[in-house]
Amino acid sequence: MPTTLIFGGSGKVARHLTRQLVSQSHTVHSIIRSPSQISELQALGAKPIVQSIEESSVSQLASTIKQCNPDTVVWSAGAGGGNPERTKSVDHEGAIKSFDACSEAGVKRYIIVSAVDVRDRSKNVYPDWYDEPSKNRSDRVWGAIGVYMEAKLQADRNLRTQNAKRQLDYTIVRPGGLSTEPGSGTVAAGKVGLERTISREDVATVVIECMKNDRTIGMAFDIVGGETPIQQAVEQVVEGKVDTFEGQY
């Protein structure tokens, strides 16, 4: 039976992911912050682990990972973007601790849920596939939640540039604005605009598709709502080697 460990298991994307994985006969361990979330996660079929990402050391996180012995680790944790200090502590520093912990624990497969438009804006260059509405949305989002976006940038950059020492089989999934709509099973993936939202349920399905498709290893790609079946959309990204983070960090 495949085993998955989710960091940030109480989040909305993570809950969809848990539901889908359990229905596909996966064992799901779920790291959560509060004991009050235990019963809800158990109801979804997860095995909750109460552990603070912020307060835990790399070795403590590695110990948890070893105990779970997962085939795949998924990062879906976040501070929620409200408190800048917590955002840095979780979305940036916490994510990097999880990279190091996976390496220390000997777990290779790692999938991180990031966000579209996470990039180094000091270059003052928009990605060449952005149209004017996407450029305008980029400016609005960075103006509103720039601290969060910068934290994600630092984490994703570290994952990619420091992987020679860690040797993780990573994938960076970069969804657009998240909606609570039911999943459609279809998306647009690769070099997409920023105007369309995507269902959290569909994001979870994309993560699972990445688990199934080892050719996504080492890639980072954007996903928003669209018309292409998810398996086909991911395969097209792989075939075209469409990496939307390359050159942006």
C-alpha atoms as a PDB file:
ATOM      1  CA  MET A   1       0.000   0.000   0.000  1.00  0.00           C
ATOM      2  CA  PRO A   2       1.568   3.357  -1.024  1.00  0.00           C
ATOM      3  CA  THR A   3       2.195   5.816   1.807  1.00  0.00           C
ATOM      4  CA  THR A   4       2.104   9.597   1.640  1.00  0.00           C
ATOM      5  CA  LEU A   5       3.073  12.152   4.286  1.00  0.00           C
ATOM      6  CA  ILE A   6       1.457  15.584   3.994  1.00  0.00           C
ATOM      7  CA  PHE A   7       2.856  18.678   5.688  1.00  0.00           C
ATOM      8  CA  GLY A   8      -0.055  21.016   6.429  1.00  0.00           C
ATOM      9  CA  GLY A   9      -2.690  18.317   6.386  1.00  0.00           C
ATOM     10  CA  SER A  10      -5.505  20.505   7.717  1.00  0.00           C
ATOM     11  CA  GLY A  11      -5.434  22.862   4.719  1.00  0.00           C
ATOM     12  CA  LYS A  12      -8.170  22.769   2.105  1.00  0.00           C
ATOM     13  CA  VAL A  13      -6.015  21.421  -0.725  1.00  0.00           C
ATOM     14  CA  ALA A  14      -4.522  18.838   1.654  1.00  0.00           C
ATOM     15  CA  ARG A  15      -7.972  17.653   2.716  1.00  0.00           C
ATOM     16  CA  HIS A  16      -8.956  17.059  -0.899  1.00  0.00           C
ATOM     17  CA  LEU A  17      -5.649  15.299  -1.435  1.00  0.00           C
ATOM     18  CA  THR A  18      -6.216  13.098   1.610  1.00  0.00           C
ATOM     19  CA  ARG A  19      -9.710  12.166   0.471  1.00  0.00           C
ATOM     20  CA  GLN A  20      -8.513  11.202  -2.998  1.00  0.00           C
ATOM     21  CA  LEU A  21      -5.461   9.275  -1.823  1.00  0.00           C
ATOM     22  CA  VAL A  22      -7.435   7.285   0.751  1.00  0.00           C
ATOM     23  CA  SER A  23      -9.984   6.393  -1.929  1.00  0.00           C
ATOM     24  CA  GLN A  24      -7.054   5.045  -3.979  1.00  0.00           C
ATOM     25  CA  SER A  25      -5.901   2.841  -1.068  1.00  0.00           C
ATOM     26  CA  HIS A  26      -3.008   5.043   0.085  1.00  0.00           C
ATOM     27  CA  THR A  27      -1.975   5.332   3.705  1.00  0.00           C
ATOM     28  CA  VAL A  28      -1.916   9.061   4.492  1.00  0.00           C
ATOM     29  CA  HIS A  29       0.005  10.546   7.422  1.00  0.00           C
ATOM     30  CA  SER A  30      -0.817  14.186   8.035  1.00  0.00           C
ATOM     31  CA  ILE A  31       1.250  16.695  10.004  1.00  0.00           C
ATOM     32  CA  ILE A  32      -1.022  19.243  11.664  1.00  0.00           C
ATOM     33  CA  ARG A  33      -0.477  22.033  14.179  1.00  0.00           C
ATOM     34  CA  SER A  34      -3.449  21.693  16.496  1.00  0.00           C
ATOM     35  CA  PRO A  35      -4.923  18.709  18.380  1.00  0.00           C
ATOM     36  CA  SER A  36      -8.349  20.182  17.631  1.00  0.00           C
ATOM     37  CA  GLN A  37      -7.918  19.086  13.994  1.00  0.00           C
ATOM     38  CA  ILE A  38      -7.325  15.409  14.801  1.00  0.00           C
ATOM     39  CA  SER A  39     -10.914  14.156  14.571  1.00  0.00           C
ATOM     40  CA  GLU A  40     -11.586  15.925  11.264  1.00  0.00           C
ATOM     41  CA  LEU A  41      -8.485  14.416   9.672  1.00  0.00           C
ATOM     42  CA  GLN A  42      -9.262  10.971  11.048  1.00  0.00           C
ATOM     43  CA  ALA A  43     -12.728  11.247   9.514  1.00  0.00           C
ATOM     44  CA  LEU A  44     -11.051  11.711   6.121  1.00  0.00           C
ATOM     45  CA  GLY A  45      -9.017   8.561   6.682  1.00  0.00           C
ATOM     46  CA  ALA A  46      -5.695  10.225   7.590  1.00  0.00           C
ATOM     47  CA  LYS A  47      -3.344   9.361  10.430  1.00  0.00           C
ATOM     48  CA  PRO A  48      -2.784  12.779  12.076  1.00  0.00           C
ATOM     49  CA  ILE A  49       0.522  13.790  13.663  1.00  0.00           C
ATOM     50  CA  VAL A  50       0.492  16.905  15.857  1.00  0.00           C
ATOM     51  CA  GLN A  51       3.842  18.620  15.342  1.00  0.00           C
ATOM     52  CA  SER A  52       4.825  22.258  14.955  1.00  0.00           C
ATOM     53  CA  ILE A  53       6.807  22.866  11.779  1.00  0.00           C
ATOM     54  CA  GLU A  54       8.042  26.162  13.219  1.00  0.00           C
ATOM     55  CA  GLU A  55       9.253  24.739  16.521  1.00  0.00           C
ATOM     56  CA  SER A  56      10.646  21.449  15.225  1.00  0.00           C
ATOM     57  CA  SER A  57      14.268  21.019  14.179  1.00  0.00           C
ATOM     58  CA  VAL A  58      15.286  19.355  10.930  1.00  0.00           C
ATOM     59  CA  SER A  59      16.244  16.225  12.859  1.00  0.00           C
ATOM     60  CA  GLN A  60      12.879  16.129  14.645  1.00  0.00           C
ATOM     61  CA  LEU A  61      11.035  16.418  11.335  1.00  0.00           C
ATOM     62  CA  ALA A  62      13.338  13.769   9.842  1.00  0.00           C
ATOM     63  CA  SER A  63      12.488  11.454  12.738  1.00  0.00           C
ATOM     64  CA  THR A  64       8.772  11.836  11.993  1.00  0.00           C
ATOM     65  CA  ILE A  65       9.374  11.160   8.317  1.00  0.00           C
ATOM     66  CA  LYS A  66      11.365   8.008   9.124  1.00  0.00           C
ATOM     67  CA  GLN A  67       8.597   6.745  11.399  1.00  0.00           C
ATOM     68  CA  CYS A  68       6.003   7.198   8.632  1.00  0.00           C
ATOM     69  CA  ASN A  69       8.319   5.795   5.936  1.00  0.00           C
ATOM     70  CA  PRO A  70       6.418   7.482   3.077  1.00  0.00           C
ATOM     71  CA  ASP A  71       6.891   6.887  -0.629  1.00  0.00           C
ATOM     72  CA  THR A  72       6.058  10.570  -1.202  1.00  0.00           C
ATOM     73  CA  VAL A  73       6.144  13.729   0.901  1.00  0.00           C
ATOM     74  CA  VAL A  74       3.812  16.578  -0.065  1.00  0.00           C
ATOM     75  CA  TRP A  75       4.239  20.133   1.215  1.00  0.00           C
ATOM     76  CA  SER A  76       0.868  21.871   1.418  1.00  0.00           C
ATOM     77  CA  ALA A  77       1.526  23.898   4.564  1.00  0.00           C
ATOM     78  CA  GLY A  78       1.246  27.653   4.927  1.00  0.00           C
ATOM     79  CA  ALA A  79       0.862  30.359   7.511  1.00  0.00           C
ATOM     80  CA  GLY A  80      -2.098  31.885   5.709  1.00  0.00           C
ATOM     81  CA  GLY A  81      -0.286  35.055   4.672  1.00  0.00           C
ATOM     82  CA  GLY A  82      -1.491  37.226   7.553  1.00  0.00           C
ATOM     83  CA  ASN A  83       1.493  37.514   9.887  1.00  0.00           C
ATOM     84  CA  PRO A  84       4.749  38.327   8.029  1.00  0.00           C
ATOM     85  CA  GLU A  85       6.924  36.656  10.672  1.00  0.00           C
ATOM     86  CA  ARG A  86       4.894  33.441  10.601  1.00  0.00           C
ATOM     87  CA  THR A  87       4.800  33.527   6.811  1.00  0.00           C
ATOM     88  CA  LYS A  88       8.599  33.582   6.714  1.00  0.00           C
ATOM     89  CA  SER A  89       8.809  30.958   9.470  1.00  0.00           C
ATOM     90  CA  VAL A  90       6.461  28.494   7.749  1.00  0.00           C
ATOM     91  CA  ASP A  91       6.346  29.174   4.004  1.00  0.00           C
ATOM     92  CA  HIS A  92      10.069  29.920   3.645  1.00  0.00           C
ATOM     93  CA  GLU A  93      12.082  28.502   6.542  1.00  0.00           C
ATOM     94  CA  GLY A  94       9.666  25.672   7.378  1.00  0.00           C
ATOM     95  CA  ALA A  95       9.609  24.460   3.791  1.00  0.00           C
ATOM     96  CA  ILE A  96      13.415  24.415   3.665  1.00  0.00           C
ATOM     97  CA  LYS A  97      13.500  22.425   6.902  1.00  0.00           C
ATOM     98  CA  SER A  98      11.217  19.885   5.278  1.00  0.00           C
ATOM     99  CA  PHE A  99      13.585  19.591   2.267  1.00  0.00           C
ATOM    100  CA  ASP A 100      16.519  18.937   4.574  1.00  0.00           C
ATOM    101  CA  ALA A 101      14.471  16.556   6.721  1.00  0.00           C
ATOM    102  CA  CYS A 102      13.478  14.463   3.698  1.00  0.00           C
ATOM    103  CA  SER A 103      17.113  14.270   2.655  1.00  0.00           C
ATOM    104  CA  GLU A 104      18.157  13.259   6.172  1.00  0.00           C
ATOM    105  CA  ALA A 105      15.384  10.650   6.327  1.00  0.00           C
ATOM    106  CA  GLY A 106      16.300   9.195   2.937  1.00  0.00           C
ATOM    107  CA  VAL A 107      12.949   9.969   1.286  1.00  0.00           C
ATOM    108  CA  LYS A 108      13.416  11.056  -2.316  1.00  0.00           C
ATOM    109  CA  ARG A 109      10.007  11.923  -3.758  1.00  0.00           C
ATOM    110  CA  TYR A 110       8.872  15.402  -2.750  1.00  0.00           C
ATOM    111  CA  ILE A 111       6.049  17.517  -4.200  1.00  0.00           C
ATOM    112  CA  ILE A 112       5.533  21.113  -3.110  1.00  0.00           C
ATOM    113  CA  VAL A 113       2.364  23.121  -3.725  1.00  0.00           C
ATOM    114  CA  SER A 114       3.563  26.625  -4.572  1.00  0.00           C
ATOM    115  CA  ALA A 115       1.793  29.332  -6.614  1.00  0.00           C
ATOM    116  CA  VAL A 116       1.752  30.874 -10.064  1.00  0.00           C
ATOM    117  CA  ASP A 117       3.859  34.011 -10.551  1.00  0.00           C
ATOM    118  CA  VAL A 118       6.355  33.106  -7.830  1.00  0.00           C
ATOM    119  CA  ARG A 119       9.442  34.721  -9.375  1.00  0.00           C
ATOM    120  CA  ASP A 120      12.236  37.187  -8.820  1.00  0.00           C
ATOM    121  CA  ARG A 121      10.582  40.505  -9.625  1.00  0.00           C
ATOM    122  CA  SER A 122      13.835  42.416  -9.168  1.00  0.00           C
ATOM    123  CA  LYS A 123      14.623  41.390 -12.748  1.00  0.00           C
ATOM    124  CA  ASN A 124      11.809  43.753 -13.825  1.00  0.00           C
ATOM    125  CA  VAL A 125      10.824  41.405 -16.621  1.00  0.00           C
ATOM    126  CA  TYR A 126       7.465  39.678 -16.923  1.00  0.00           C
ATOM    127  CA  PRO A 127       7.452  36.114 -18.263  1.00  0.00           C
ATOM    128  CA  ASP A 128       7.158  36.296 -22.039  1.00  0.00           C
ATOM    129  CA  TRP A 129       3.795  34.492 -22.100  1.00  0.00           C
ATOM    130  CA  TYR A 130       2.027  37.058 -19.868  1.00  0.00           C
ATOM    131  CA  ASP A 131      -0.593  39.202 -21.575  1.00  0.00           C
ATOM    132  CA  GLU A 132      -1.609  42.610 -20.196  1.00  0.00           C
ATOM    133  CA  PRO A 133      -4.334  41.270 -17.867  1.00  0.00           C
ATOM    134  CA  SER A 134      -1.815  38.791 -16.436  1.00  0.00           C
ATOM    135  CA  LYS A 135       0.740  41.538 -15.896  1.00  0.00           C
ATOM    136  CA  ASN A 136      -1.867  43.661 -14.133  1.00  0.00           C
ATOM    137  CA  ARG A 137      -2.938  40.756 -11.943  1.00  0.00           C
ATOM    138  CA  SER A 138       0.697  40.004 -11.104  1.00  0.00           C
ATOM    139  CA  ASP A 139       1.165  43.564  -9.864  1.00  0.00           C
ATOM    140  CA  ARG A 140      -2.033  43.427  -7.804  1.00  0.00           C
ATOM    141  CA  VAL A 141      -1.179  40.088  -6.180  1.00  0.00           C
ATOM    142  CA  TRP A 142       2.373  41.070  -5.292  1.00  0.00           C
ATOM    143  CA  GLY A 143       1.060  44.357  -3.924  1.00  0.00           C
ATOM    144  CA  ALA A 144      -1.434  42.540  -1.716  1.00  0.00           C
ATOM    145  CA  ILE A 145       0.506  39.450  -0.556  1.00  0.00           C
ATOM    146  CA  GLY A 146       4.097  40.202  -1.509  1.00  0.00           C
ATOM    147  CA  VAL A 147       5.468  38.806   1.767  1.00  0.00           C
ATOM    148  CA  TYR A 148       3.863  35.442   1.041  1.00  0.00           C
ATOM    149  CA  MET A 149       5.038  35.419  -2.581  1.00  0.00           C
ATOM    150  CA  GLU A 150       8.590  36.287  -1.536  1.00  0.00           C
ATOM    151  CA  ALA A 151       8.559  33.476   1.042  1.00  0.00           C
ATOM    152  CA  LYS A 152       7.449  31.001  -1.621  1.00  0.00           C
ATOM    153  CA  LEU A 153      10.164  32.298  -3.957  1.00  0.00           C
ATOM    154  CA  GLN A 154      12.883  31.782  -1.366  1.00  0.00           C
ATOM    155  CA  ALA A 155      11.695  28.235  -0.650  1.00  0.00           C
ATOM    156  CA  ASP A 156      11.306  27.212  -4.297  1.00  0.00           C
ATOM    157  CA  ARG A 157      14.643  28.762  -5.253  1.00  0.00           C
ATOM    158  CA  ASN A 158      16.341  26.858  -2.432  1.00  0.00           C
ATOM    159  CA  LEU A 159      14.682  23.598  -3.458  1.00  0.00           C
ATOM    160  CA  ARG A 160      15.949  23.929  -7.011  1.00  0.00           C
ATOM    161  CA  THR A 161      19.403  25.445  -6.490  1.00  0.00           C
ATOM    162  CA  GLN A 162      20.439  23.333  -3.488  1.00  0.00           C
ATOM    163  CA  ASN A 163      19.228  19.983  -4.754  1.00  0.00           C
ATOM    164  CA  ALA A 164      22.683  18.758  -5.728  1.00  0.00           C
ATOM    165  CA  LYS A 165      23.332  18.112  -2.044  1.00  0.00           C
ATOM    166  CA  ARG A 166      19.856  16.797  -1.205  1.00  0.00           C
ATOM    167  CA  GLN A 167      19.159  14.718  -4.316  1.00  0.00           C
ATOM    168  CA  LEU A 168      15.378  14.935  -3.934  1.00  0.00           C
ATOM    169  CA  ASP A 169      13.074  13.846  -6.747  1.00  0.00           C
ATOM    170  CA  TYR A 170      11.016  17.019  -6.509  1.00  0.00           C
ATOM    171  CA  THR A 171       8.153  18.588  -8.437  1.00  0.00           C
ATOM    172  CA  ILE A 172       6.880  22.143  -7.928  1.00  0.00           C
ATOM    173  CA  VAL A 173       3.144  22.503  -8.645  1.00  0.00           C
ATOM    174  CA  ARG A 174       2.166  26.170  -9.120  1.00  0.00           C
ATOM    175  CA  PRO A 175      -1.625  26.696  -8.981  1.00  0.00           C
ATOM    176  CA  GLY A 176      -3.384  29.945  -9.745  1.00  0.00           C
ATOM    177  CA  GLY A 177      -5.972  31.586  -7.515  1.00  0.00           C
ATOM    178  CA  LEU A 178      -7.779  28.881  -5.557  1.00  0.00           C
ATOM    179  CA  SER A 179     -11.534  28.372  -5.600  1.00  0.00           C
ATOM    180  CA  THR A 180     -13.898  26.215  -3.555  1.00  0.00           C
ATOM    181  CA  GLU A 181     -15.728  24.981  -6.658  1.00  0.00           C
ATOM    182  CA  PRO A 182     -15.992  21.210  -7.149  1.00  0.00           C
ATOM    183  CA  GLY A 183     -13.213  19.777  -9.263  1.00  0.00           C
ATOM    184  CA  SER A 184     -13.877  19.518 -12.980  1.00  0.00           C
ATOM    185  CA  GLY A 185     -11.058  17.089 -13.735  1.00  0.00           C
ATOM    186  CA  THR A 186      -9.744  19.494 -16.362  1.00  0.00           C
ATOM    187  CA  VAL A 187      -7.087  22.251 -16.214  1.00  0.00           C
ATOM    188  CA  ALA A 188      -4.738  24.368 -18.284  1.00  0.00           C
ATOM    189  CA  ALA A 189      -1.099  23.637 -17.482  1.00  0.00           C
ATOM    190  CA  GLY A 190       2.274  25.068 -18.436  1.00  0.00           C
ATOM    191  CA  LYS A 191       2.652  28.635 -19.656  1.00  0.00           C
ATOM    192  CA  VAL A 192      -0.812  29.877 -18.726  1.00  0.00           C
ATOM    193  CA  GLY A 193      -2.192  33.289 -17.839  1.00  0.00           C
ATOM    194  CA  LEU A 194      -3.038  34.449 -14.348  1.00  0.00           C
ATOM    195  CA  GLU A 195      -6.670  35.425 -14.806  1.00  0.00           C
ATOM    196  CA  ARG A 196      -8.315  32.036 -14.297  1.00  0.00           C
ATOM    197  CA  THR A 197      -8.758  30.401 -10.895  1.00  0.00           C
ATOM    198  CA  ILE A 198      -8.511  26.686 -10.197  1.00  0.00           C
ATOM    199  CA  SER A 199     -10.483  24.408  -7.917  1.00  0.00           C
ATOM    200  CA  ARG A 200      -8.575  23.162  -4.873  1.00  0.00           C
ATOM    201  CA  GLU A 201      -9.907  19.716  -5.649  1.00  0.00           C
ATOM    202  CA  ASP A 202      -8.302  19.862  -9.104  1.00  0.00           C
ATOM    203  CA  VAL A 203      -4.998  20.967  -7.557  1.00  0.00           C
ATOM    204  CA  ALA A 204      -5.065  17.844  -5.407  1.00  0.00           C
ATOM    205  CA  THR A 205      -5.722  15.705  -8.482  1.00  0.00           C
ATOM    206  CA  VAL A 206      -2.736  17.286 -10.249  1.00  0.00           C
ATOM    207  CA  VAL A 207      -0.520  16.455  -7.264  1.00  0.00           C
ATOM    208  CA  ILE A 208      -1.610  12.817  -7.486  1.00  0.00           C
ATOM    209  CA  GLU A 209      -0.960  12.797 -11.214  1.00  0.00           C
ATOM    210  CA  CYS A 210       2.576  14.026 -10.503  1.00  0.00           C
ATOM    211  CA  MET A 211       3.003  11.119  -8.070  1.00  0.00           C
ATOM    212  CA  LYS A 212       2.043   8.747 -10.877  1.00  0.00           C
ATOM    213  CA  ASN A 213       4.194  10.415 -13.549  1.00  0.00           C
ATOM    214  CA  ASP A 214       7.897  10.269 -12.676  1.00  0.00           C
ATOM    215  CA  ARG A 215       8.671  12.405 -15.707  1.00  0.00           C
ATOM    216  CA  THR A 216       7.462  15.404 -13.684  1.00  0.00           C
ATOM    217  CA  ILE A 217      10.521  15.015 -11.426  1.00  0.00           C
ATOM    218  CA  GLY A 218      12.671  18.159 -11.514  1.00  0.00           C
ATOM    219  CA  MET A 219       9.906  20.240 -13.102  1.00  0.00           C
ATOM    220  CA  ALA A 220       7.917  23.291 -12.020  1.00  0.00           C
ATOM    221  CA  PHE A 221       4.737  24.171 -13.885  1.00  0.00           C
ATOM    222  CA  ASP A 222       1.672  26.402 -13.584  1.00  0.00           C
ATOM    223  CA  ILE A 223      -1.932  25.188 -13.460  1.00  0.00           C
ATOM    224  CA  VAL A 224      -5.193  27.120 -13.723  1.00  0.00           C
ATOM    225  CA  GLY A 225      -8.738  26.229 -14.672  1.00  0.00           C
ATOM    226  CA  GLY A 226      -9.033  24.894 -18.216  1.00  0.00           C
ATOM    227  CA  GLU A 227     -10.489  22.310 -20.539  1.00  0.00           C
ATOM    228  CA  THR A 228      -7.761  19.656 -20.795  1.00  0.00           C
ATOM    229  CA  PRO A 229      -8.141  16.438 -18.768  1.00  0.00           C
ATOM    230  CA  ILE A 230      -5.595  16.502 -15.946  1.00  0.00           C
ATOM    231  CA  GLN A 231      -3.612  13.429 -16.954  1.00  0.00           C
ATOM    232  CA  GLN A 232      -3.310  14.751 -20.503  1.00  0.00           C
ATOM    233  CA  ALA A 233      -2.401  18.282 -19.318  1.00  0.00           C
ATOM    234  CA  VAL A 234       0.424  16.988 -17.129  1.00  0.00           C
ATOM    235  CA  GLU A 235       1.676  14.744 -19.931  1.00  0.00           C
ATOM    236  CA  GLN A 236       1.738  17.705 -22.337  1.00  0.00           C
ATOM    237  CA  VAL A 237       3.836  19.720 -19.875  1.00  0.00           C
ATOM    238  CA  VAL A 238       6.260  16.811 -19.557  1.00  0.00           C
ATOM    239  CA  GLU A 239       6.452  16.223 -23.308  1.00  0.00           C
ATOM    240  CA  GLY A 240       7.075  19.914 -23.981  1.00  0.00           C
ATOM    241  CA  LYS A 241       9.492  20.271 -21.051  1.00  0.00           C
ATOM    242  CA  VAL A 242       7.493  23.360 -20.012  1.00  0.00           C
ATOM    243  CA  ASP A 243       9.126  24.643 -16.835  1.00  0.00           C
ATOM    244  CA  THR A 244       7.622  27.963 -15.730  1.00  0.00           C
ATOM    245  CA  PHE A 245      10.092  28.596 -12.895  1.00  0.00           C
ATOM    246  CA  GLU A 246      13.242  28.290 -14.981  1.00  0.00           C
ATOM    247  CA  GLY A 247      14.788  31.704 -15.587  1.00  0.00           C
ATOM    248  CA  GLN A 248      12.449  33.304 -13.047  1.00  0.00           C
ATOM    249  CA  TYR A 249      14.525  32.941  -9.878  1.00  0.00           C
END
